[in-house]
Amino acid sequence: MAEAEAAIERLAAARTEEGLAIREIWLLRLRVLLARAHGDAAAYAHFRDRYRAVATSLGFEGHIRWAEAMP
């Protein structure tokens, strides 16, 4: 899990265009999955709810379905 955390943080810190929606949505998804793997219920709920909101606001149908499938 440490390697996954480091990879996520590198992705988050990488220079990119401001407001790149696809990067943001994937970072949220990865953080949801990592929180679940850690058993961190509070972080999981926080990132899951943000992931759902962002997916819905962007109209990304695949991500909306994935987010809705998360308990």
PDB file of N, CA and C in Angstrom:
ATOM      1  N   MET A   1       0.817  -1.194   0.000  1.00  0.00           N
ATOM      2  CA  MET A   1       0.000   0.000   0.000  1.00  0.00           C
ATOM      3  C   MET A   1       0.860   1.256   0.000  1.00  0.00           C
ATOM      4  N   ALA A   2       2.041   1.151   0.583  1.00  0.00           N
ATOM      5  CA  ALA A   2       2.931   2.317   0.600  1.00  0.00           C
ATOM      6  C   ALA A   2       3.306   2.739  -0.823  1.00  0.00           C
ATOM      7  N   GLU A   3       3.522   1.764  -1.688  1.00  0.00           N
ATOM      8  CA  GLU A   3       3.850   2.086  -3.075  1.00  0.00           C
ATOM      9  C   GLU A   3       2.674   2.761  -3.771  1.00  0.00           C
ATOM     10  N   ALA A   4       1.465   2.291  -3.490  1.00  0.00           N
ATOM     11  CA  ALA A   4       0.272   2.907  -4.079  1.00  0.00           C
ATOM     12  C   ALA A   4       0.115   4.333  -3.585  1.00  0.00           C
ATOM     13  N   GLU A   5       0.317   4.545  -2.294  1.00  0.00           N
ATOM     14  CA  GLU A   5       0.221   5.896  -1.736  1.00  0.00           C
ATOM     15  C   GLU A   5       1.231   6.824  -2.403  1.00  0.00           C
ATOM     16  N   ALA A   6       2.462   6.344  -2.556  1.00  0.00           N
ATOM     17  CA  ALA A   6       3.504   7.163  -3.159  1.00  0.00           C
ATOM     18  C   ALA A   6       3.162   7.490  -4.617  1.00  0.00           C
ATOM     19  N   ALA A   7       2.635   6.520  -5.340  1.00  0.00           N
ATOM     20  CA  ALA A   7       2.259   6.756  -6.737  1.00  0.00           C
ATOM     21  C   ALA A   7       1.136   7.777  -6.839  1.00  0.00           C
ATOM     22  N   ILE A   8       0.157   7.684  -5.953  1.00  0.00           N
ATOM     23  CA  ILE A   8      -0.956   8.632  -5.951  1.00  0.00           C
ATOM     24  C   ILE A   8      -0.449  10.037  -5.646  1.00  0.00           C
ATOM     25  N   GLU A   9       0.437  10.148  -4.681  1.00  0.00           N
ATOM     26  CA  GLU A   9       0.977  11.464  -4.326  1.00  0.00           C
ATOM     27  C   GLU A   9       1.829  12.039  -5.455  1.00  0.00           C
ATOM     28  N   ARG A  10       2.575  11.182  -6.163  1.00  0.00           N
ATOM     29  CA  ARG A  10       3.344  11.682  -7.318  1.00  0.00           C
ATOM     30  C   ARG A  10       2.410  12.194  -8.398  1.00  0.00           C
ATOM     31  N   LEU A  11       1.337  11.473  -8.646  1.00  0.00           N
ATOM     32  CA  LEU A  11       0.359  11.917  -9.637  1.00  0.00           C
ATOM     33  C   LEU A  11      -0.269  13.240  -9.219  1.00  0.00           C
ATOM     34  N   ALA A  12      -0.599  13.361  -7.952  1.00  0.00           N
ATOM     35  CA  ALA A  12      -1.219  14.591  -7.455  1.00  0.00           C
ATOM     36  C   ALA A  12      -0.260  15.779  -7.549  1.00  0.00           C
ATOM     37  N   ALA A  13       1.020  15.518  -7.354  1.00  0.00           N
ATOM     38  CA  ALA A  13       2.010  16.599  -7.348  1.00  0.00           C
ATOM     39  C   ALA A  13       2.544  16.934  -8.743  1.00  0.00           C
ATOM     40  N   ALA A  14       2.301  16.070  -9.704  1.00  0.00           N
ATOM     41  CA  ALA A  14       2.840  16.283 -11.052  1.00  0.00           C
ATOM     42  C   ALA A  14       2.258  17.552 -11.673  1.00  0.00           C
ATOM     43  N   ARG A  15       3.091  18.253 -12.397  1.00  0.00           N
ATOM     44  CA  ARG A  15       2.635  19.466 -13.082  1.00  0.00           C
ATOM     45  C   ARG A  15       1.691  19.070 -14.207  1.00  0.00           C
ATOM     46  N   THR A  16       0.631  19.819 -14.314  1.00  0.00           N
ATOM     47  CA  THR A  16      -0.349  19.580 -15.372  1.00  0.00           C
ATOM     48  C   THR A  16      -1.117  20.870 -15.616  1.00  0.00           C
ATOM     49  N   GLU A  17      -1.956  20.833 -16.607  1.00  0.00           N
ATOM     50  CA  GLU A  17      -2.804  21.991 -16.869  1.00  0.00           C
ATOM     51  C   GLU A  17      -3.765  22.187 -15.702  1.00  0.00           C
ATOM     52  N   GLU A  18      -4.025  23.419 -15.394  1.00  0.00           N
ATOM     53  CA  GLU A  18      -4.954  23.767 -14.312  1.00  0.00           C
ATOM     54  C   GLU A  18      -6.345  23.230 -14.619  1.00  0.00           C
ATOM     55  N   GLY A  19      -6.960  22.594 -13.626  1.00  0.00           N
ATOM     56  CA  GLY A  19      -8.340  22.157 -13.762  1.00  0.00           C
ATOM     57  C   GLY A  19      -8.542  20.967 -14.685  1.00  0.00           C
ATOM     58  N   LEU A  20      -7.559  20.104 -14.814  1.00  0.00           N
ATOM     59  CA  LEU A  20      -7.677  18.931 -15.672  1.00  0.00           C
ATOM     60  C   LEU A  20      -8.629  17.928 -15.008  1.00  0.00           C
ATOM     61  N   ALA A  21      -9.854  17.877 -15.503  1.00  0.00           N
ATOM     62  CA  ALA A  21     -10.926  17.112 -14.859  1.00  0.00           C
ATOM     63  C   ALA A  21     -10.648  15.615 -14.802  1.00  0.00           C
ATOM     64  N   ILE A  22     -10.080  15.062 -15.849  1.00  0.00           N
ATOM     65  CA  ILE A  22      -9.854  13.620 -15.868  1.00  0.00           C
ATOM     66  C   ILE A  22      -8.839  13.219 -14.800  1.00  0.00           C
ATOM     67  N   ARG A  23      -7.843  14.065 -14.573  1.00  0.00           N
ATOM     68  CA  ARG A  23      -6.863  13.797 -13.520  1.00  0.00           C
ATOM     69  C   ARG A  23      -7.533  13.852 -12.149  1.00  0.00           C
ATOM     70  N   GLU A  24      -8.349  14.863 -11.936  1.00  0.00           N
ATOM     71  CA  GLU A  24      -9.024  15.024 -10.648  1.00  0.00           C
ATOM     72  C   GLU A  24      -9.920  13.831 -10.332  1.00  0.00           C
ATOM     73  N   ILE A  25     -10.684  13.375 -11.320  1.00  0.00           N
ATOM     74  CA  ILE A  25     -11.617  12.281 -11.065  1.00  0.00           C
ATOM     75  C   ILE A  25     -10.865  10.992 -10.755  1.00  0.00           C
ATOM     76  N   TRP A  26      -9.763  10.745 -11.486  1.00  0.00           N
ATOM     77  CA  TRP A  26      -8.990   9.533 -11.215  1.00  0.00           C
ATOM     78  C   TRP A  26      -8.294   9.602  -9.866  1.00  0.00           C
ATOM     79  N   LEU A  27      -7.796  10.763  -9.473  1.00  0.00           N
ATOM     80  CA  LEU A  27      -7.187  10.905  -8.148  1.00  0.00           C
ATOM     81  C   LEU A  27      -8.205  10.624  -7.048  1.00  0.00           C
ATOM     82  N   LEU A  28      -9.417  11.127  -7.211  1.00  0.00           N
ATOM     83  CA  LEU A  28     -10.452  10.858  -6.220  1.00  0.00           C
ATOM     84  C   LEU A  28     -10.760   9.370  -6.140  1.00  0.00           C
ATOM     85  N   ARG A  29     -10.904   8.729  -7.282  1.00  0.00           N
ATOM     86  CA  ARG A  29     -11.185   7.289  -7.292  1.00  0.00           C
ATOM     87  C   ARG A  29     -10.068   6.514  -6.597  1.00  0.00           C
ATOM     88  N   LEU A  30      -8.829   6.838  -6.916  1.00  0.00           N
ATOM     89  CA  LEU A  30      -7.702   6.150  -6.289  1.00  0.00           C
ATOM     90  C   LEU A  30      -7.676   6.373  -4.776  1.00  0.00           C
ATOM     91  N   ARG A  31      -7.999   7.584  -4.343  1.00  0.00           N
ATOM     92  CA  ARG A  31      -8.004   7.872  -2.905  1.00  0.00           C
ATOM     93  C   ARG A  31      -9.137   7.135  -2.194  1.00  0.00           C
ATOM     94  N   VAL A  32     -10.283   6.987  -2.852  1.00  0.00           N
ATOM     95  CA  VAL A  32     -11.390   6.201  -2.277  1.00  0.00           C
ATOM     96  C   VAL A  32     -10.936   4.762  -2.072  1.00  0.00           C
ATOM     97  N   LEU A  33     -10.352   4.192  -3.106  1.00  0.00           N
ATOM     98  CA  LEU A  33      -9.929   2.798  -3.034  1.00  0.00           C
ATOM     99  C   LEU A  33      -8.832   2.587  -1.992  1.00  0.00           C
ATOM    100  N   LEU A  34      -7.915   3.529  -1.887  1.00  0.00           N
ATOM    101  CA  LEU A  34      -6.850   3.433  -0.894  1.00  0.00           C
ATOM    102  C   LEU A  34      -7.411   3.542   0.523  1.00  0.00           C
ATOM    103  N   ALA A  35      -8.344   4.448   0.734  1.00  0.00           N
ATOM    104  CA  ALA A  35      -8.963   4.581   2.056  1.00  0.00           C
ATOM    105  C   ALA A  35      -9.680   3.291   2.451  1.00  0.00           C
ATOM    106  N   ARG A  36     -10.355   2.665   1.495  1.00  0.00           N
ATOM    107  CA  ARG A  36     -11.030   1.397   1.776  1.00  0.00           C
ATOM    108  C   ARG A  36     -10.017   0.318   2.117  1.00  0.00           C
ATOM    109  N   ALA A  37      -8.909   0.276   1.383  1.00  0.00           N
ATOM    110  CA  ALA A  37      -7.869  -0.720   1.648  1.00  0.00           C
ATOM    111  C   ALA A  37      -7.269  -0.545   3.037  1.00  0.00           C
ATOM    112  N   HIS A  38      -7.189   0.697   3.500  1.00  0.00           N
ATOM    113  CA  HIS A  38      -6.670   0.991   4.835  1.00  0.00           C
ATOM    114  C   HIS A  38      -7.717   0.752   5.930  1.00  0.00           C
ATOM    115  N   GLY A  39      -8.961   0.577   5.543  1.00  0.00           N
ATOM    116  CA  GLY A  39     -10.024   0.421   6.534  1.00  0.00           C
ATOM    117  C   GLY A  39     -10.390   1.720   7.222  1.00  0.00           C
ATOM    118  N   ASP A  40     -10.123   2.843   6.576  1.00  0.00           N
ATOM    119  CA  ASP A  40     -10.401   4.173   7.130  1.00  0.00           C
ATOM    120  C   ASP A  40     -11.798   4.609   6.675  1.00  0.00           C
ATOM    121  N   ALA A  41     -12.790   4.298   7.483  1.00  0.00           N
ATOM    122  CA  ALA A  41     -14.187   4.547   7.120  1.00  0.00           C
ATOM    123  C   ALA A  41     -14.477   6.031   6.901  1.00  0.00           C
ATOM    124  N   ALA A  42     -13.904   6.892   7.717  1.00  0.00           N
ATOM    125  CA  ALA A  42     -14.165   8.331   7.584  1.00  0.00           C
ATOM    126  C   ALA A  42     -13.585   8.872   6.280  1.00  0.00           C
ATOM    127  N   ALA A  43     -12.336   8.523   5.984  1.00  0.00           N
ATOM    128  CA  ALA A  43     -11.710   8.984   4.737  1.00  0.00           C
ATOM    129  C   ALA A  43     -12.430   8.378   3.534  1.00  0.00           C
ATOM    130  N   TYR A  44     -12.812   7.117   3.650  1.00  0.00           N
ATOM    131  CA  TYR A  44     -13.532   6.457   2.562  1.00  0.00           C
ATOM    132  C   TYR A  44     -14.818   7.213   2.244  1.00  0.00           C
ATOM    133  N   ALA A  45     -15.619   7.502   3.265  1.00  0.00           N
ATOM    134  CA  ALA A  45     -16.889   8.203   3.062  1.00  0.00           C
ATOM    135  C   ALA A  45     -16.652   9.594   2.469  1.00  0.00           C
ATOM    136  N   HIS A  46     -15.639  10.284   2.964  1.00  0.00           N
ATOM    137  CA  HIS A  46     -15.324  11.626   2.474  1.00  0.00           C
ATOM    138  C   HIS A  46     -14.963  11.597   0.993  1.00  0.00           C
ATOM    139  N   PHE A  47     -13.997  10.743   0.622  1.00  0.00           N
ATOM    140  CA  PHE A  47     -13.562  10.689  -0.773  1.00  0.00           C
ATOM    141  C   PHE A  47     -14.641  10.097  -1.677  1.00  0.00           C
ATOM    142  N   ARG A  48     -15.404   9.127  -1.185  1.00  0.00           N
ATOM    143  CA  ARG A  48     -16.492   8.548  -1.981  1.00  0.00           C
ATOM    144  C   ARG A  48     -17.523   9.612  -2.327  1.00  0.00           C
ATOM    145  N   ASP A  49     -17.900  10.404  -1.337  1.00  0.00           N
ATOM    146  CA  ASP A  49     -18.897  11.450  -1.571  1.00  0.00           C
ATOM    147  C   ASP A  49     -18.374  12.515  -2.537  1.00  0.00           C
ATOM    148  N   ARG A  50     -17.101  12.883  -2.395  1.00  0.00           N
ATOM    149  CA  ARG A  50     -16.502  13.846  -3.332  1.00  0.00           C
ATOM    150  C   ARG A  50     -16.429  13.256  -4.729  1.00  0.00           C
ATOM    151  N   TYR A  51     -16.048  11.981  -4.809  1.00  0.00           N
ATOM    152  CA  TYR A  51     -15.955  11.290  -6.097  1.00  0.00           C
ATOM    153  C   TYR A  51     -17.319  11.280  -6.782  1.00  0.00           C
ATOM    154  N   ARG A  52     -18.364  10.947  -6.033  1.00  0.00           N
ATOM    155  CA  ARG A  52     -19.719  10.947  -6.594  1.00  0.00           C
ATOM    156  C   ARG A  52     -20.106  12.328  -7.097  1.00  0.00           C
ATOM    157  N   ALA A  53     -19.845  13.337  -6.303  1.00  0.00           N
ATOM    158  CA  ALA A  53     -20.226  14.705  -6.664  1.00  0.00           C
ATOM    159  C   ALA A  53     -19.486  15.180  -7.913  1.00  0.00           C
ATOM    160  N   VAL A  54     -18.192  14.925  -7.969  1.00  0.00           N
ATOM    161  CA  VAL A  54     -17.408  15.367  -9.122  1.00  0.00           C
ATOM    162  C   VAL A  54     -17.825  14.596 -10.369  1.00  0.00           C
ATOM    163  N   ALA A  55     -17.987  13.288 -10.243  1.00  0.00           N
ATOM    164  CA  ALA A  55     -18.410  12.475 -11.389  1.00  0.00           C
ATOM    165  C   ALA A  55     -19.740  12.966 -11.943  1.00  0.00           C
ATOM    166  N   THR A  56     -20.665  13.267 -11.040  1.00  0.00           N
ATOM    167  CA  THR A  56     -21.981  13.751 -11.458  1.00  0.00           C
ATOM    168  C   THR A  56     -21.880  15.127 -12.102  1.00  0.00           C
ATOM    169  N   SER A  57     -21.107  16.017 -11.492  1.00  0.00           N
ATOM    170  CA  SER A  57     -20.998  17.376 -12.037  1.00  0.00           C
ATOM    171  C   SER A  57     -20.348  17.382 -13.416  1.00  0.00           C
ATOM    172  N   LEU A  58     -19.456  16.441 -13.664  1.00  0.00           N
ATOM    173  CA  LEU A  58     -18.779  16.373 -14.954  1.00  0.00           C
ATOM    174  C   LEU A  58     -19.555  15.539 -15.974  1.00  0.00           C
ATOM    175  N   GLY A  59     -20.532  14.792 -15.492  1.00  0.00           N
ATOM    176  CA  GLY A  59     -21.321  13.954 -16.391  1.00  0.00           C
ATOM    177  C   GLY A  59     -20.568  12.743 -16.916  1.00  0.00           C
ATOM    178  N   PHE A  60     -19.568  12.289 -16.167  1.00  0.00           N
ATOM    179  CA  PHE A  60     -18.776  11.124 -16.565  1.00  0.00           C
ATOM    180  C   PHE A  60     -19.555   9.866 -16.185  1.00  0.00           C
ATOM    181  N   GLU A  61     -20.298   9.316 -17.146  1.00  0.00           N
ATOM    182  CA  GLU A  61     -21.233   8.223 -16.862  1.00  0.00           C
ATOM    183  C   GLU A  61     -20.568   6.990 -16.255  1.00  0.00           C
ATOM    184  N   GLY A  62     -19.419   6.601 -16.759  1.00  0.00           N
ATOM    185  CA  GLY A  62     -18.725   5.447 -16.201  1.00  0.00           C
ATOM    186  C   GLY A  62     -18.341   5.665 -14.751  1.00  0.00           C
ATOM    187  N   HIS A  63     -17.798   6.824 -14.449  1.00  0.00           N
ATOM    188  CA  HIS A  63     -17.417   7.148 -13.074  1.00  0.00           C
ATOM    189  C   HIS A  63     -18.651   7.290 -12.187  1.00  0.00           C
ATOM    190  N   ILE A  64     -19.727   7.808 -12.732  1.00  0.00           N
ATOM    191  CA  ILE A  64     -20.969   7.913 -11.953  1.00  0.00           C
ATOM    192  C   ILE A  64     -21.410   6.516 -11.528  1.00  0.00           C
ATOM    193  N   ARG A  65     -21.393   5.562 -12.459  1.00  0.00           N
ATOM    194  CA  ARG A  65     -21.791   4.184 -12.129  1.00  0.00           C
ATOM    195  C   ARG A  65     -20.852   3.571 -11.101  1.00  0.00           C
ATOM    196  N   TRP A  66     -19.549   3.766 -11.287  1.00  0.00           N
ATOM    197  CA  TRP A  66     -18.585   3.231 -10.317  1.00  0.00           C
ATOM    198  C   TRP A  66     -18.811   3.843  -8.947  1.00  0.00           C
ATOM    199  N   ALA A  67     -19.010   5.151  -8.892  1.00  0.00           N
ATOM    200  CA  ALA A  67     -19.211   5.835  -7.616  1.00  0.00           C
ATOM    201  C   ALA A  67     -20.484   5.385  -6.933  1.00  0.00           C
ATOM    202  N   GLU A  68     -21.551   5.217  -7.697  1.00  0.00           N
ATOM    203  CA  GLU A  68     -22.815   4.775  -7.113  1.00  0.00           C
ATOM    204  C   GLU A  68     -22.731   3.345  -6.596  1.00  0.00           C
ATOM    205  N   ALA A  69     -21.842   2.538  -7.161  1.00  0.00           N
ATOM    206  CA  ALA A  69     -21.686   1.153  -6.722  1.00  0.00           C
ATOM    207  C   ALA A  69     -20.894   1.056  -5.407  1.00  0.00           C
ATOM    208  N   MET A  70     -20.276   2.145  -4.986  1.00  0.00           N
ATOM    209  CA  MET A  70     -19.490   2.135  -3.745  1.00  0.00           C
ATOM    210  C   MET A  70     -20.432   2.297  -2.556  1.00  0.00           C
ATOM    211  N   PRO A  71     -20.332   1.355  -1.611  1.00  0.00           N
ATOM    212  CA  PRO A  71     -21.240   1.455  -0.430  1.00  0.00           C
ATOM    213  C   PRO A  71     -20.898   2.619   0.470  1.00  0.00           C
TER     214      PRO A  71
END
